[in-house]
Amino acid sequence: MSDIQTLLNSQNLEKLYGQHQDEIKPEKPSQLSPEKARLIQMGLERLVSYGLLSDPSAIRDWANGLADLSEERLTAGFVKAKDYTGYLTLGDLRNLCKKPVENGSYRRFKALPHKPMDSDMLKSKIAKMRKQLDI
């Protein structure tokens, strides 16, 4: 078994991810594919080459902390990390890997398409409203 798979046991996963109910549940150690392990290793080595990791010997621990993320999210996080300034922490990298959330209340509203009203028609509608309101 690889180092990542041996360190990912159910007890450690419950301790690490028990408080993150909204995130993706970690994969079981047997489900960690060689491609995903290679992606994590290459991404972390790239971060070391960028000078973003202060302790390159902790790559194994970082790999265990990223094992539950999807390959798509990992790739997105590694790409975003290229522009990061200072030393990167595991928590910061996990935040970079998160999918951006759109909050509907902050979304700009797009006006519905409309045709401008003819001036004669507008005047007749205003006159009709005034008559109904006794103005």
Protein backbone atom coordinates (compact mmCIF):
# COMPACT_ATOMS: atom_id res chain seq x y z
CA MET A 1 0.00 0.00 0.00
CA SER A 2 1.18 3.53 -0.66
CA ASP A 3 1.90 6.00 2.11
CA ILE A 4 -1.23 7.98 1.30
CA GLN A 5 -3.44 4.93 1.51
CA THR A 6 -2.00 3.73 4.82
CA LEU A 7 -2.46 7.12 6.45
CA LEU A 8 -6.04 7.42 5.23
CA ASN A 9 -7.86 5.24 7.68
CA SER A 10 -11.39 5.82 8.91
CA GLN A 11 -10.34 7.18 12.32
CA ASN A 12 -8.08 9.86 10.87
CA LEU A 13 -10.68 10.84 8.28
CA GLU A 14 -13.38 11.32 10.91
CA LYS A 15 -11.07 13.56 12.95
CA LEU A 16 -9.97 15.59 9.93
CA TYR A 17 -13.23 15.97 8.08
CA GLY A 18 -15.93 15.55 10.70
CA GLN A 19 -16.40 19.30 11.00
CA HIS A 20 -16.62 19.87 7.22
CA GLN A 21 -20.09 18.54 6.51
CA ASP A 22 -20.61 20.75 3.45
CA GLU A 23 -17.52 19.50 1.64
CA ILE A 24 -17.11 16.36 -0.42
CA LYS A 25 -16.69 13.25 1.69
CA PRO A 26 -13.20 11.72 1.56
CA GLU A 27 -12.63 8.73 -0.63
CA LYS A 28 -11.86 5.39 0.89
CA PRO A 29 -8.15 4.52 0.69
CA SER A 30 -8.86 1.70 -1.75
CA GLN A 31 -10.54 4.17 -4.13
CA LEU A 32 -7.50 6.45 -4.47
CA SER A 33 -6.46 5.93 -8.05
CA PRO A 34 -2.82 5.97 -9.17
CA GLU A 35 -3.65 8.84 -11.54
CA LYS A 36 -5.01 10.93 -8.70
CA ALA A 37 -2.02 10.16 -6.48
CA ARG A 38 0.28 11.17 -9.36
CA LEU A 39 -1.70 14.39 -9.91
CA ILE A 40 -1.37 15.32 -6.23
CA GLN A 41 2.34 14.53 -6.22
CA MET A 42 3.04 16.53 -9.39
CA GLY A 43 0.96 19.48 -8.19
CA LEU A 44 2.72 19.62 -4.84
CA GLU A 45 6.13 19.35 -6.49
CA ARG A 46 5.14 22.25 -8.73
CA LEU A 47 4.21 24.30 -5.64
CA VAL A 48 7.63 23.55 -4.16
CA SER A 49 9.27 24.74 -7.40
CA TYR A 50 7.21 27.98 -7.20
CA GLY A 51 8.54 28.49 -3.66
CA LEU A 52 5.07 28.40 -2.14
CA LEU A 53 5.69 25.55 0.31
CA SER A 54 7.92 26.36 3.26
CA ASP A 55 8.56 22.70 4.15
CA PRO A 56 9.00 20.43 1.09
CA SER A 57 9.41 17.42 3.39
CA ALA A 58 5.71 17.69 4.34
CA ILE A 59 4.49 16.69 0.87
CA ARG A 60 3.21 13.35 2.18
CA ASP A 61 1.07 15.10 4.81
CA TRP A 62 -0.27 17.55 2.24
CA ALA A 63 -1.10 14.70 -0.13
CA ASN A 64 -3.16 13.06 2.61
CA GLY A 65 -4.97 16.33 3.22
CA LEU A 66 -5.90 16.66 -0.45
CA ALA A 67 -6.88 13.05 -1.14
CA ASP A 68 -10.62 13.68 -0.73
CA LEU A 69 -10.84 16.37 -3.44
CA SER A 70 -11.77 15.53 -7.01
CA GLU A 71 -9.18 15.68 -9.78
CA GLU A 72 -11.00 18.64 -11.34
CA ARG A 73 -10.92 20.62 -8.06
CA LEU A 74 -7.26 19.72 -7.47
CA THR A 75 -6.26 20.92 -10.93
CA ALA A 76 -8.18 24.16 -10.44
CA GLY A 77 -6.51 24.72 -7.06
CA PHE A 78 -3.02 24.10 -8.39
CA VAL A 79 -3.64 26.54 -11.26
CA LYS A 80 -4.95 29.23 -8.86
CA ALA A 81 -2.00 28.66 -6.51
CA LYS A 82 0.42 29.91 -9.17
CA ASP A 83 -0.72 33.49 -8.46
CA TYR A 84 -0.62 33.08 -4.65
CA THR A 85 1.82 35.33 -2.77
CA GLY A 86 3.68 34.24 0.35
CA TYR A 87 3.80 30.74 1.80
CA LEU A 88 0.82 28.54 1.14
CA THR A 89 -0.82 26.50 3.90
CA LEU A 90 -2.84 23.35 3.40
CA GLY A 91 -6.00 25.21 4.41
CA ASP A 92 -5.29 27.94 1.86
CA LEU A 93 -4.76 25.35 -0.87
CA ARG A 94 -8.01 23.59 0.06
CA ASN A 95 -9.82 26.94 -0.18
CA LEU A 96 -8.31 27.51 -3.64
CA CYS A 97 -9.60 24.07 -4.65
CA LYS A 98 -13.18 24.84 -3.58
CA LYS A 99 -15.73 25.41 -6.27
CA PRO A 100 -16.76 29.07 -6.45
CA VAL A 101 -20.26 29.58 -5.11
CA GLU A 102 -22.62 32.00 -6.77
CA ASN A 103 -24.91 33.75 -4.38
CA GLY A 104 -28.09 34.65 -6.20
CA SER A 105 -28.75 37.72 -4.07
CA TYR A 106 -25.64 39.39 -5.42
CA ARG A 107 -26.21 38.52 -9.04
CA ARG A 108 -26.92 41.46 -11.32
CA PHE A 109 -30.36 41.44 -12.84
CA LYS A 110 -30.67 41.46 -16.57
CA ALA A 111 -33.52 43.53 -17.95
CA LEU A 112 -36.14 41.71 -19.94
CA PRO A 113 -36.18 42.56 -23.63
CA HIS A 114 -38.78 45.17 -24.51
CA LYS A 115 -39.87 47.28 -27.42
CA PRO A 116 -40.18 51.03 -26.93
CA MET A 117 -43.80 52.14 -26.89
CA ASP A 118 -45.10 54.49 -29.57
CA SER A 119 -45.69 58.00 -28.19
CA ASP A 120 -49.35 58.10 -29.27
CA MET A 121 -50.03 54.77 -27.57
CA LEU A 122 -48.26 55.98 -24.39
CA LYS A 123 -50.35 59.16 -24.28
CA SER A 124 -53.56 57.16 -24.70
CA LYS A 125 -52.61 54.77 -21.85
CA ILE A 126 -51.75 57.68 -19.56
CA ALA A 127 -55.05 59.35 -20.39
CA LYS A 128 -56.90 56.10 -19.63
CA MET A 129 -55.15 55.76 -16.24
CA ARG A 130 -55.92 59.37 -15.35
CA LYS A 131 -59.58 58.82 -16.19
CA GLN A 132 -59.70 55.67 -14.01
CA LEU A 133 -58.01 57.50 -11.11
CA ASP A 134 -60.12 60.64 -11.56
CA ILE A 135 -57.10 62.87 -11.90
